[in-house]
Amino acid sequence: MVTRKKYSKEFKLDAISLVRDQGYTRREAASSLGIDATMLGRWVNERQTDDGQAFRGTGKLMPEQEEIRKLKVQVKRLEMEKDILKKRRSSLPEKHGDIRVYCPA
């Protein structure tokens, strides 16, 4: 099994700097760094479209992704509650006339 090589945030930013600030093409910069040009292109694009969240590291979700995760958990909880209420409602008598109340004399 081949393990993927991980690059630090600093390495990625330096590689992007070669393209954006020093005038290298993506192919030239990638070749000199020993990485694939498409990977460098992906880093450049991610950096251009980021809002300070580029290369945030493993396990850290972007704010939008974190909100989606929380909402999915909430939806699942609400669906479970709804199912419980449906089951409870179906076990109640259909008509009010079916309810018998005990009144001691």
PDB file of N, CA and C in Angstrom:
ATOM      1  N   MET A   1       0.840  -1.171   0.000  1.00  0.00           N
ATOM      2  CA  MET A   1       0.000   0.000   0.000  1.00  0.00           C
ATOM      3  C   MET A   1       0.888   1.237   0.000  1.00  0.00           C
ATOM      4  N   VAL A   2       0.570   2.199  -0.844  1.00  0.00           N
ATOM      5  CA  VAL A   2       1.362   3.413  -0.958  1.00  0.00           C
ATOM      6  C   VAL A   2       0.769   4.476  -0.044  1.00  0.00           C
ATOM      7  N   THR A   3       1.633   5.089   0.768  1.00  0.00           N
ATOM      8  CA  THR A   3       1.152   6.158   1.641  1.00  0.00           C
ATOM      9  C   THR A   3       1.343   7.494   0.941  1.00  0.00           C
ATOM     10  N   ARG A   4       0.401   8.378   1.156  1.00  0.00           N
ATOM     11  CA  ARG A   4       0.469   9.695   0.537  1.00  0.00           C
ATOM     12  C   ARG A   4       1.452  10.568   1.311  1.00  0.00           C
ATOM     13  N   LYS A   5       2.220  11.317   0.585  1.00  0.00           N
ATOM     14  CA  LYS A   5       3.162  12.216   1.216  1.00  0.00           C
ATOM     15  C   LYS A   5       2.414  13.467   1.649  1.00  0.00           C
ATOM     16  N   LYS A   6       2.731  13.947   2.841  1.00  0.00           N
ATOM     17  CA  LYS A   6       2.080  15.138   3.377  1.00  0.00           C
ATOM     18  C   LYS A   6       3.079  16.282   3.361  1.00  0.00           C
ATOM     19  N   TYR A   7       2.584  17.440   2.977  1.00  0.00           N
ATOM     20  CA  TYR A   7       3.430  18.626   2.904  1.00  0.00           C
ATOM     21  C   TYR A   7       2.957  19.644   3.933  1.00  0.00           C
ATOM     22  N   SER A   8       3.913  20.322   4.545  1.00  0.00           N
ATOM     23  CA  SER A   8       3.562  21.304   5.561  1.00  0.00           C
ATOM     24  C   SER A   8       2.940  22.545   4.919  1.00  0.00           C
ATOM     25  N   LYS A   9       2.266  23.312   5.731  1.00  0.00           N
ATOM     26  CA  LYS A   9       1.656  24.549   5.257  1.00  0.00           C
ATOM     27  C   LYS A   9       2.740  25.491   4.721  1.00  0.00           C
ATOM     28  N   GLU A  10       3.863  25.546   5.388  1.00  0.00           N
ATOM     29  CA  GLU A  10       4.955  26.427   4.968  1.00  0.00           C
ATOM     30  C   GLU A  10       5.495  26.029   3.603  1.00  0.00           C
ATOM     31  N   PHE A  11       5.637  24.721   3.378  1.00  0.00           N
ATOM     32  CA  PHE A  11       6.113  24.239   2.089  1.00  0.00           C
ATOM     33  C   PHE A  11       5.143  24.644   0.987  1.00  0.00           C
ATOM     34  N   LYS A  12       3.860  24.462   1.231  1.00  0.00           N
ATOM     35  CA  LYS A  12       2.846  24.813   0.240  1.00  0.00           C
ATOM     36  C   LYS A  12       2.870  26.313  -0.064  1.00  0.00           C
ATOM     37  N   LEU A  13       2.980  27.122   0.972  1.00  0.00           N
ATOM     38  CA  LEU A  13       3.008  28.574   0.773  1.00  0.00           C
ATOM     39  C   LEU A  13       4.262  29.008   0.016  1.00  0.00           C
ATOM     40  N   ASP A  14       5.383  28.368   0.297  1.00  0.00           N
ATOM     41  CA  ASP A  14       6.617  28.677  -0.437  1.00  0.00           C
ATOM     42  C   ASP A  14       6.484  28.279  -1.912  1.00  0.00           C
ATOM     43  N   ALA A  15       5.865  27.131  -2.155  1.00  0.00           N
ATOM     44  CA  ALA A  15       5.668  26.685  -3.533  1.00  0.00           C
ATOM     45  C   ALA A  15       4.749  27.647  -4.279  1.00  0.00           C
ATOM     46  N   ILE A  16       3.708  28.102  -3.629  1.00  0.00           N
ATOM     47  CA  ILE A  16       2.783  29.065  -4.234  1.00  0.00           C
ATOM     48  C   ILE A  16       3.497  30.379  -4.509  1.00  0.00           C
ATOM     49  N   SER A  17       4.385  30.759  -3.610  1.00  0.00           N
ATOM     50  CA  SER A  17       5.142  32.001  -3.782  1.00  0.00           C
ATOM     51  C   SER A  17       6.016  31.956  -5.033  1.00  0.00           C
ATOM     52  N   LEU A  18       6.561  30.792  -5.345  1.00  0.00           N
ATOM     53  CA  LEU A  18       7.365  30.672  -6.563  1.00  0.00           C
ATOM     54  C   LEU A  18       6.531  31.033  -7.790  1.00  0.00           C
ATOM     55  N   VAL A  19       5.278  30.622  -7.792  1.00  0.00           N
ATOM     56  CA  VAL A  19       4.397  30.868  -8.940  1.00  0.00           C
ATOM     57  C   VAL A  19       3.874  32.300  -8.930  1.00  0.00           C
ATOM     58  N   ARG A  20       3.358  32.737  -7.812  1.00  0.00           N
ATOM     59  CA  ARG A  20       2.679  34.030  -7.750  1.00  0.00           C
ATOM     60  C   ARG A  20       3.634  35.222  -7.674  1.00  0.00           C
ATOM     61  N   ASP A  21       4.708  35.068  -6.905  1.00  0.00           N
ATOM     62  CA  ASP A  21       5.580  36.214  -6.648  1.00  0.00           C
ATOM     63  C   ASP A  21       6.859  36.229  -7.473  1.00  0.00           C
ATOM     64  N   GLN A  22       7.369  35.042  -7.826  1.00  0.00           N
ATOM     65  CA  GLN A  22       8.663  34.991  -8.489  1.00  0.00           C
ATOM     66  C   GLN A  22       8.567  34.678  -9.974  1.00  0.00           C
ATOM     67  N   GLY A  23       7.372  34.520 -10.490  1.00  0.00           N
ATOM     68  CA  GLY A  23       7.188  34.397 -11.931  1.00  0.00           C
ATOM     69  C   GLY A  23       7.452  33.035 -12.545  1.00  0.00           C
ATOM     70  N   TYR A  24       7.637  32.010 -11.739  1.00  0.00           N
ATOM     71  CA  TYR A  24       7.812  30.663 -12.293  1.00  0.00           C
ATOM     72  C   TYR A  24       6.462  30.155 -12.808  1.00  0.00           C
ATOM     73  N   THR A  25       6.510  29.304 -13.810  1.00  0.00           N
ATOM     74  CA  THR A  25       5.281  28.633 -14.214  1.00  0.00           C
ATOM     75  C   THR A  25       5.021  27.522 -13.200  1.00  0.00           C
ATOM     76  N   ARG A  26       3.806  27.034 -13.190  1.00  0.00           N
ATOM     77  CA  ARG A  26       3.477  25.953 -12.260  1.00  0.00           C
ATOM     78  C   ARG A  26       4.322  24.717 -12.537  1.00  0.00           C
ATOM     79  N   ARG A  27       4.514  24.436 -13.813  1.00  0.00           N
ATOM     80  CA  ARG A  27       5.304  23.266 -14.193  1.00  0.00           C
ATOM     81  C   ARG A  27       6.760  23.424 -13.740  1.00  0.00           C
ATOM     82  N   GLU A  28       7.354  24.609 -13.954  1.00  0.00           N
ATOM     83  CA  GLU A  28       8.752  24.839 -13.553  1.00  0.00           C
ATOM     84  C   GLU A  28       8.902  24.734 -12.036  1.00  0.00           C
ATOM     85  N   ALA A  29       7.998  25.375 -11.304  1.00  0.00           N
ATOM     86  CA  ALA A  29       8.088  25.350  -9.840  1.00  0.00           C
ATOM     87  C   ALA A  29       7.909  23.918  -9.324  1.00  0.00           C
ATOM     88  N   ALA A  30       6.931  23.225  -9.865  1.00  0.00           N
ATOM     89  CA  ALA A  30       6.677  21.854  -9.426  1.00  0.00           C
ATOM     90  C   ALA A  30       7.866  20.950  -9.717  1.00  0.00           C
ATOM     91  N   SER A  31       8.466  21.109 -10.883  1.00  0.00           N
ATOM     92  CA  SER A  31       9.617  20.300 -11.252  1.00  0.00           C
ATOM     93  C   SER A  31      10.787  20.549 -10.307  1.00  0.00           C
ATOM     94  N   SER A  32      11.033  21.805  -9.977  1.00  0.00           N
ATOM     95  CA  SER A  32      12.160  22.121  -9.094  1.00  0.00           C
ATOM     96  C   SER A  32      11.920  21.634  -7.662  1.00  0.00           C
ATOM     97  N   LEU A  33      10.661  21.508  -7.274  1.00  0.00           N
ATOM     98  CA  LEU A  33      10.344  21.046  -5.920  1.00  0.00           C
ATOM     99  C   LEU A  33      10.125  19.539  -5.847  1.00  0.00           C
ATOM    100  N   GLY A  34      10.040  18.895  -7.008  1.00  0.00           N
ATOM    101  CA  GLY A  34       9.837  17.449  -7.027  1.00  0.00           C
ATOM    102  C   GLY A  34       8.410  17.039  -6.726  1.00  0.00           C
ATOM    103  N   ILE A  35       7.457  17.892  -7.116  1.00  0.00           N
ATOM    104  CA  ILE A  35       6.048  17.564  -6.912  1.00  0.00           C
ATOM    105  C   ILE A  35       5.321  17.631  -8.249  1.00  0.00           C
ATOM    106  N   ASP A  36       4.102  17.159  -8.268  1.00  0.00           N
ATOM    107  CA  ASP A  36       3.307  17.164  -9.485  1.00  0.00           C
ATOM    108  C   ASP A  36       2.746  18.560  -9.746  1.00  0.00           C
ATOM    109  N   ALA A  37       2.732  18.972 -11.003  1.00  0.00           N
ATOM    110  CA  ALA A  37       2.251  20.310 -11.374  1.00  0.00           C
ATOM    111  C   ALA A  37       0.765  20.485 -11.076  1.00  0.00           C
ATOM    112  N   THR A  38      -0.019  19.423 -11.212  1.00  0.00           N
ATOM    113  CA  THR A  38      -1.448  19.556 -10.915  1.00  0.00           C
ATOM    114  C   THR A  38      -1.694  19.765  -9.429  1.00  0.00           C
ATOM    115  N   MET A  39      -0.860  19.151  -8.603  1.00  0.00           N
ATOM    116  CA  MET A  39      -0.984  19.359  -7.166  1.00  0.00           C
ATOM    117  C   MET A  39      -0.652  20.811  -6.813  1.00  0.00           C
ATOM    118  N   LEU A  40       0.404  21.336  -7.398  1.00  0.00           N
ATOM    119  CA  LEU A  40       0.764  22.731  -7.160  1.00  0.00           C
ATOM    120  C   LEU A  40      -0.345  23.657  -7.660  1.00  0.00           C
ATOM    121  N   GLY A  41      -0.916  23.331  -8.801  1.00  0.00           N
ATOM    122  CA  GLY A  41      -2.023  24.118  -9.321  1.00  0.00           C
ATOM    123  C   GLY A  41      -3.212  24.117  -8.375  1.00  0.00           C
ATOM    124  N   ARG A  42      -3.488  22.974  -7.773  1.00  0.00           N
ATOM    125  CA  ARG A  42      -4.580  22.875  -6.801  1.00  0.00           C
ATOM    126  C   ARG A  42      -4.291  23.744  -5.578  1.00  0.00           C
ATOM    127  N   TRP A  43      -3.027  23.739  -5.120  1.00  0.00           N
ATOM    128  CA  TRP A  43      -2.657  24.580  -3.987  1.00  0.00           C
ATOM    129  C   TRP A  43      -2.831  26.058  -4.315  1.00  0.00           C
ATOM    130  N   VAL A  44      -2.395  26.444  -5.518  1.00  0.00           N
ATOM    131  CA  VAL A  44      -2.516  27.849  -5.940  1.00  0.00           C
ATOM    132  C   VAL A  44      -3.989  28.249  -5.982  1.00  0.00           C
ATOM    133  N   ASN A  45      -4.827  27.399  -6.556  1.00  0.00           N
ATOM    134  CA  ASN A  45      -6.261  27.703  -6.636  1.00  0.00           C
ATOM    135  C   ASN A  45      -6.899  27.780  -5.258  1.00  0.00           C
ATOM    136  N   GLU A  46      -6.523  26.869  -4.382  1.00  0.00           N
ATOM    137  CA  GLU A  46      -7.088  26.879  -3.033  1.00  0.00           C
ATOM    138  C   GLU A  46      -6.689  28.151  -2.288  1.00  0.00           C
ATOM    139  N   ARG A  47      -5.463  28.557  -2.486  1.00  0.00           N
ATOM    140  CA  ARG A  47      -4.977  29.782  -1.817  1.00  0.00           C
ATOM    141  C   ARG A  47      -5.691  31.018  -2.365  1.00  0.00           C
ATOM    142  N   GLN A  48      -5.976  31.040  -3.664  1.00  0.00           N
ATOM    143  CA  GLN A  48      -6.654  32.189  -4.259  1.00  0.00           C
ATOM    144  C   GLN A  48      -8.089  32.310  -3.786  1.00  0.00           C
ATOM    145  N   THR A  49      -8.736  31.193  -3.540  1.00  0.00           N
ATOM    146  CA  THR A  49     -10.149  31.216  -3.174  1.00  0.00           C
ATOM    147  C   THR A  49     -10.381  31.097  -1.677  1.00  0.00           C
ATOM    148  N   ASP A  50      -9.318  31.066  -0.886  1.00  0.00           N
ATOM    149  CA  ASP A  50      -9.508  30.856   0.547  1.00  0.00           C
ATOM    150  C   ASP A  50      -9.939  32.137   1.247  1.00  0.00           C
ATOM    151  N   ASP A  51     -10.432  31.960   2.451  1.00  0.00           N
ATOM    152  CA  ASP A  51     -10.784  33.084   3.304  1.00  0.00           C
ATOM    153  C   ASP A  51     -10.000  32.965   4.608  1.00  0.00           C
ATOM    154  N   GLY A  52      -8.735  32.623   4.459  1.00  0.00           N
ATOM    155  CA  GLY A  52      -7.894  32.405   5.624  1.00  0.00           C
ATOM    156  C   GLY A  52      -7.920  30.965   6.105  1.00  0.00           C
ATOM    157  N   GLN A  53      -8.599  30.085   5.387  1.00  0.00           N
ATOM    158  CA  GLN A  53      -8.750  28.699   5.807  1.00  0.00           C
ATOM    159  C   GLN A  53      -7.917  27.721   4.978  1.00  0.00           C
ATOM    160  N   ALA A  54      -7.139  28.197   4.021  1.00  0.00           N
ATOM    161  CA  ALA A  54      -6.365  27.287   3.177  1.00  0.00           C
ATOM    162  C   ALA A  54      -5.327  26.542   4.008  1.00  0.00           C
ATOM    163  N   PHE A  55      -5.171  25.267   3.707  1.00  0.00           N
ATOM    164  CA  PHE A  55      -4.160  24.409   4.340  1.00  0.00           C
ATOM    165  C   PHE A  55      -4.332  24.402   5.864  1.00  0.00           C
ATOM    166  N   ARG A  56      -5.545  24.183   6.307  1.00  0.00           N
ATOM    167  CA  ARG A  56      -5.862  24.257   7.728  1.00  0.00           C
ATOM    168  C   ARG A  56      -5.419  23.027   8.502  1.00  0.00           C
ATOM    169  N   GLY A  57      -4.953  21.998   7.821  1.00  0.00           N
ATOM    170  CA  GLY A  57      -4.480  20.800   8.505  1.00  0.00           C
ATOM    171  C   GLY A  57      -5.561  19.742   8.589  1.00  0.00           C
ATOM    172  N   THR A  58      -5.179  18.574   9.047  1.00  0.00           N
ATOM    173  CA  THR A  58      -6.115  17.462   9.093  1.00  0.00           C
ATOM    174  C   THR A  58      -7.051  17.597  10.279  1.00  0.00           C
ATOM    175  N   GLY A  59      -8.295  17.210  10.055  1.00  0.00           N
ATOM    176  CA  GLY A  59      -9.255  17.187  11.139  1.00  0.00           C
ATOM    177  C   GLY A  59      -9.950  18.499  11.422  1.00  0.00           C
ATOM    178  N   LYS A  60      -9.517  19.568  10.833  1.00  0.00           N
ATOM    179  CA  LYS A  60     -10.137  20.861  11.085  1.00  0.00           C
ATOM    180  C   LYS A  60     -11.060  21.194   9.932  1.00  0.00           C
ATOM    181  N   LEU A  61     -12.326  21.363  10.248  1.00  0.00           N
ATOM    182  CA  LEU A  61     -13.309  21.646   9.225  1.00  0.00           C
ATOM    183  C   LEU A  61     -13.428  23.148   8.997  1.00  0.00           C
ATOM    184  N   MET A  62     -13.781  23.490   7.788  1.00  0.00           N
ATOM    185  CA  MET A  62     -14.079  24.884   7.494  1.00  0.00           C
ATOM    186  C   MET A  62     -15.376  25.221   8.221  1.00  0.00           C
ATOM    187  N   PRO A  63     -15.622  26.496   8.517  1.00  0.00           N
ATOM    188  CA  PRO A  63     -16.831  26.867   9.261  1.00  0.00           C
ATOM    189  C   PRO A  63     -18.109  26.345   8.613  1.00  0.00           C
ATOM    190  N   GLU A  64     -18.188  26.396   7.282  1.00  0.00           N
ATOM    191  CA  GLU A  64     -19.387  25.911   6.601  1.00  0.00           C
ATOM    192  C   GLU A  64     -19.549  24.410   6.783  1.00  0.00           C
ATOM    193  N   GLN A  65     -18.441  23.680   6.712  1.00  0.00           N
ATOM    194  CA  GLN A  65     -18.488  22.233   6.883  1.00  0.00           C
ATOM    195  C   GLN A  65     -18.881  21.870   8.313  1.00  0.00           C
ATOM    196  N   GLU A  66     -18.385  22.620   9.288  1.00  0.00           N
ATOM    197  CA  GLU A  66     -18.732  22.377  10.685  1.00  0.00           C
ATOM    198  C   GLU A  66     -20.220  22.628  10.918  1.00  0.00           C
ATOM    199  N   GLU A  67     -20.756  23.683  10.323  1.00  0.00           N
ATOM    200  CA  GLU A  67     -22.183  23.978  10.466  1.00  0.00           C
ATOM    201  C   GLU A  67     -23.027  22.878   9.827  1.00  0.00           C
ATOM    202  N   ILE A  68     -22.627  22.396   8.654  1.00  0.00           N
ATOM    203  CA  ILE A  68     -23.345  21.308   7.995  1.00  0.00           C
ATOM    204  C   ILE A  68     -23.331  20.061   8.868  1.00  0.00           C
ATOM    205  N   ARG A  69     -22.184  19.760   9.470  1.00  0.00           N
ATOM    206  CA  ARG A  69     -22.073  18.585  10.342  1.00  0.00           C
ATOM    207  C   ARG A  69     -23.028  18.719  11.529  1.00  0.00           C
ATOM    208  N   LYS A  70     -23.056  19.894  12.158  1.00  0.00           N
ATOM    209  CA  LYS A  70     -23.943  20.115  13.302  1.00  0.00           C
ATOM    210  C   LYS A  70     -25.411  20.007  12.893  1.00  0.00           C
ATOM    211  N   LEU A  71     -25.755  20.565  11.736  1.00  0.00           N
ATOM    212  CA  LEU A  71     -27.137  20.509  11.260  1.00  0.00           C
ATOM    213  C   LEU A  71     -27.573  19.083  10.959  1.00  0.00           C
ATOM    214  N   LYS A  72     -26.674  18.276  10.407  1.00  0.00           N
ATOM    215  CA  LYS A  72     -27.002  16.880  10.138  1.00  0.00           C
ATOM    216  C   LYS A  72     -27.278  16.126  11.430  1.00  0.00           C
ATOM    217  N   VAL A  73     -26.494  16.398  12.457  1.00  0.00           N
ATOM    218  CA  VAL A  73     -26.715  15.765  13.757  1.00  0.00           C
ATOM    219  C   VAL A  73     -28.073  16.186  14.312  1.00  0.00           C
ATOM    220  N   GLN A  74     -28.394  17.467  14.199  1.00  0.00           N
ATOM    221  CA  GLN A  74     -29.668  17.977  14.698  1.00  0.00           C
ATOM    222  C   GLN A  74     -30.848  17.372  13.932  1.00  0.00           C
ATOM    223  N   VAL A  75     -30.726  17.265  12.609  1.00  0.00           N
ATOM    224  CA  VAL A  75     -31.791  16.676  11.804  1.00  0.00           C
ATOM    225  C   VAL A  75     -32.029  15.227  12.226  1.00  0.00           C
ATOM    226  N   LYS A  76     -30.959  14.491  12.440  1.00  0.00           N
ATOM    227  CA  LYS A  76     -31.091  13.091  12.852  1.00  0.00           C
ATOM    228  C   LYS A  76     -31.803  12.989  14.198  1.00  0.00           C
ATOM    229  N   ARG A  77     -31.440  13.864  15.134  1.00  0.00           N
ATOM    230  CA  ARG A  77     -32.070  13.863  16.451  1.00  0.00           C
ATOM    231  C   ARG A  77     -33.555  14.202  16.339  1.00  0.00           C
ATOM    232  N   LEU A  78     -33.890  15.215  15.544  1.00  0.00           N
ATOM    233  CA  LEU A  78     -35.292  15.609  15.378  1.00  0.00           C
ATOM    234  C   LEU A  78     -36.113  14.520  14.696  1.00  0.00           C
ATOM    235  N   GLU A  79     -35.528  13.818  13.738  1.00  0.00           N
ATOM    236  CA  GLU A  79     -36.237  12.716  13.084  1.00  0.00           C
ATOM    237  C   GLU A  79     -36.519  11.591  14.071  1.00  0.00           C
ATOM    238  N   MET A  80     -35.570  11.308  14.952  1.00  0.00           N
ATOM    239  CA  MET A  80     -35.782  10.284  15.973  1.00  0.00           C
ATOM    240  C   MET A  80     -36.907  10.702  16.925  1.00  0.00           C
ATOM    241  N   GLU A  81     -36.905  11.968  17.335  1.00  0.00           N
ATOM    242  CA  GLU A  81     -37.953  12.465  18.219  1.00  0.00           C
ATOM    243  C   GLU A  81     -39.319  12.374  17.539  1.00  0.00           C
ATOM    244  N   LYS A  82     -39.369  12.720  16.255  1.00  0.00           N
ATOM    245  CA  LYS A  82     -40.623  12.651  15.497  1.00  0.00           C
ATOM    246  C   LYS A  82     -41.130  11.212  15.447  1.00  0.00           C
ATOM    247  N   ASP A  83     -40.234  10.261  15.200  1.00  0.00           N
ATOM    248  CA  ASP A  83     -40.625   8.858  15.141  1.00  0.00           C
ATOM    249  C   ASP A  83     -41.164   8.382  16.491  1.00  0.00           C
ATOM    250  N   ILE A  84     -40.547   8.824  17.569  1.00  0.00           N
ATOM    251  CA  ILE A  84     -41.015   8.450  18.905  1.00  0.00           C
ATOM    252  C   ILE A  84     -42.429   8.995  19.133  1.00  0.00           C
ATOM    253  N   LEU A  85     -42.646  10.243  18.756  1.00  0.00           N
ATOM    254  CA  LEU A  85     -43.968  10.838  18.930  1.00  0.00           C
ATOM    255  C   LEU A  85     -45.016  10.145  18.068  1.00  0.00           C
ATOM    256  N   LYS A  86     -44.648   9.740  16.854  1.00  0.00           N
ATOM    257  CA  LYS A  86     -45.583   9.005  15.991  1.00  0.00           C
ATOM    258  C   LYS A  86     -45.986   7.682  16.637  1.00  0.00           C
ATOM    259  N   LYS A  87     -45.008   6.966  17.168  1.00  0.00           N
ATOM    260  CA  LYS A  87     -45.291   5.689  17.816  1.00  0.00           C
ATOM    261  C   LYS A  87     -46.176   5.882  19.040  1.00  0.00           C
ATOM    262  N   ARG A  88     -45.887   6.912  19.803  1.00  0.00           N
ATOM    263  CA  ARG A  88     -46.663   7.190  21.001  1.00  0.00           C
ATOM    264  C   ARG A  88     -48.100   7.549  20.619  1.00  0.00           C
ATOM    265  N   ARG A  89     -48.254   8.350  19.574  1.00  0.00           N
ATOM    266  CA  ARG A  89     -49.586   8.780  19.136  1.00  0.00           C
ATOM    267  C   ARG A  89     -50.399   7.602  18.625  1.00  0.00           C
ATOM    268  N   SER A  90     -49.747   6.688  17.905  1.00  0.00           N
ATOM    269  CA  SER A  90     -50.472   5.536  17.367  1.00  0.00           C
ATOM    270  C   SER A  90     -50.919   4.580  18.472  1.00  0.00           C
ATOM    271  N   SER A  91     -50.300   4.642  19.637  1.00  0.00           N
ATOM    272  CA  SER A  91     -50.699   3.758  20.732  1.00  0.00           C
ATOM    273  C   SER A  91     -51.826   4.357  21.567  1.00  0.00           C
ATOM    274  N   LEU A  92     -52.183   5.630  21.344  1.00  0.00           N
ATOM    275  CA  LEU A  92     -53.283   6.261  22.072  1.00  0.00           C
ATOM    276  C   LEU A  92     -54.609   5.821  21.474  1.00  0.00           C
ATOM    277  N   PRO A  93     -55.688   5.855  22.277  1.00  0.00           N
ATOM    278  CA  PRO A  93     -57.011   5.501  21.748  1.00  0.00           C
ATOM    279  C   PRO A  93     -57.414   6.451  20.636  1.00  0.00           C
ATOM    280  N   GLU A  94     -58.200   5.930  19.682  1.00  0.00           N
ATOM    281  CA  GLU A  94     -58.622   6.707  18.518  1.00  0.00           C
ATOM    282  C   GLU A  94     -59.656   7.761  18.877  1.00  0.00           C
ATOM    283  N   LYS A  95     -60.631   7.396  19.710  1.00  0.00           N
ATOM    284  CA  LYS A  95     -61.734   8.295  20.036  1.00  0.00           C
ATOM    285  C   LYS A  95     -61.690   8.638  21.513  1.00  0.00           C
ATOM    286  N   HIS A  96     -62.220   9.809  21.808  1.00  0.00           N
ATOM    287  CA  HIS A  96     -62.272  10.205  23.210  1.00  0.00           C
ATOM    288  C   HIS A  96     -63.237   9.336  23.999  1.00  0.00           C
ATOM    289  N   GLY A  97     -64.231   8.774  23.307  1.00  0.00           N
ATOM    290  CA  GLY A  97     -65.191   7.907  23.967  1.00  0.00           C
ATOM    291  C   GLY A  97     -64.570   6.617  24.458  1.00  0.00           C
ATOM    292  N   ASP A  98     -63.424   6.243  23.932  1.00  0.00           N
ATOM    293  CA  ASP A  98     -62.764   5.013  24.339  1.00  0.00           C
ATOM    294  C   ASP A  98     -61.992   5.165  25.641  1.00  0.00           C
ATOM    295  N   ILE A  99     -61.835   6.393  26.093  1.00  0.00           N
ATOM    296  CA  ILE A  99     -61.060   6.619  27.307  1.00  0.00           C
ATOM    297  C   ILE A  99     -61.985   6.423  28.511  1.00  0.00           C
ATOM    298  N   ARG A 100     -61.566   5.604  29.417  1.00  0.00           N
ATOM    299  CA  ARG A 100     -62.352   5.373  30.631  1.00  0.00           C
ATOM    300  C   ARG A 100     -61.608   5.994  31.806  1.00  0.00           C
ATOM    301  N   VAL A 101     -62.382   6.707  32.556  1.00  0.00           N
ATOM    302  CA  VAL A 101     -61.813   7.383  33.723  1.00  0.00           C
ATOM    303  C   VAL A 101     -62.381   6.721  34.968  1.00  0.00           C
ATOM    304  N   TYR A 102     -61.530   6.430  35.877  1.00  0.00           N
ATOM    305  CA  TYR A 102     -61.972   5.820  37.130  1.00  0.00           C
ATOM    306  C   TYR A 102     -62.268   6.940  38.113  1.00  0.00           C
ATOM    307  N   CYS A 103     -63.496   6.963  38.600  1.00  0.00           N
ATOM    308  CA  CYS A 103     -63.899   7.946  39.607  1.00  0.00           C
ATOM    309  C   CYS A 103     -64.386   7.185  40.836  1.00  0.00           C
ATOM    310  N   PRO A 104     -63.635   7.302  41.891  1.00  0.00           N
ATOM    311  CA  PRO A 104     -64.081   6.595  43.106  1.00  0.00           C
ATOM    312  C   PRO A 104     -65.381   7.217  43.631  1.00  0.00           C
ATOM    313  N   ALA A 105     -66.277   6.379  44.138  1.00  0.00           N
ATOM    314  CA  ALA A 105     -67.586   6.855  44.591  1.00  0.00           C
ATOM    315  C   ALA A 105     -67.573   7.343  45.994  1.00  0.00           C
TER     316      ALA A 105
END
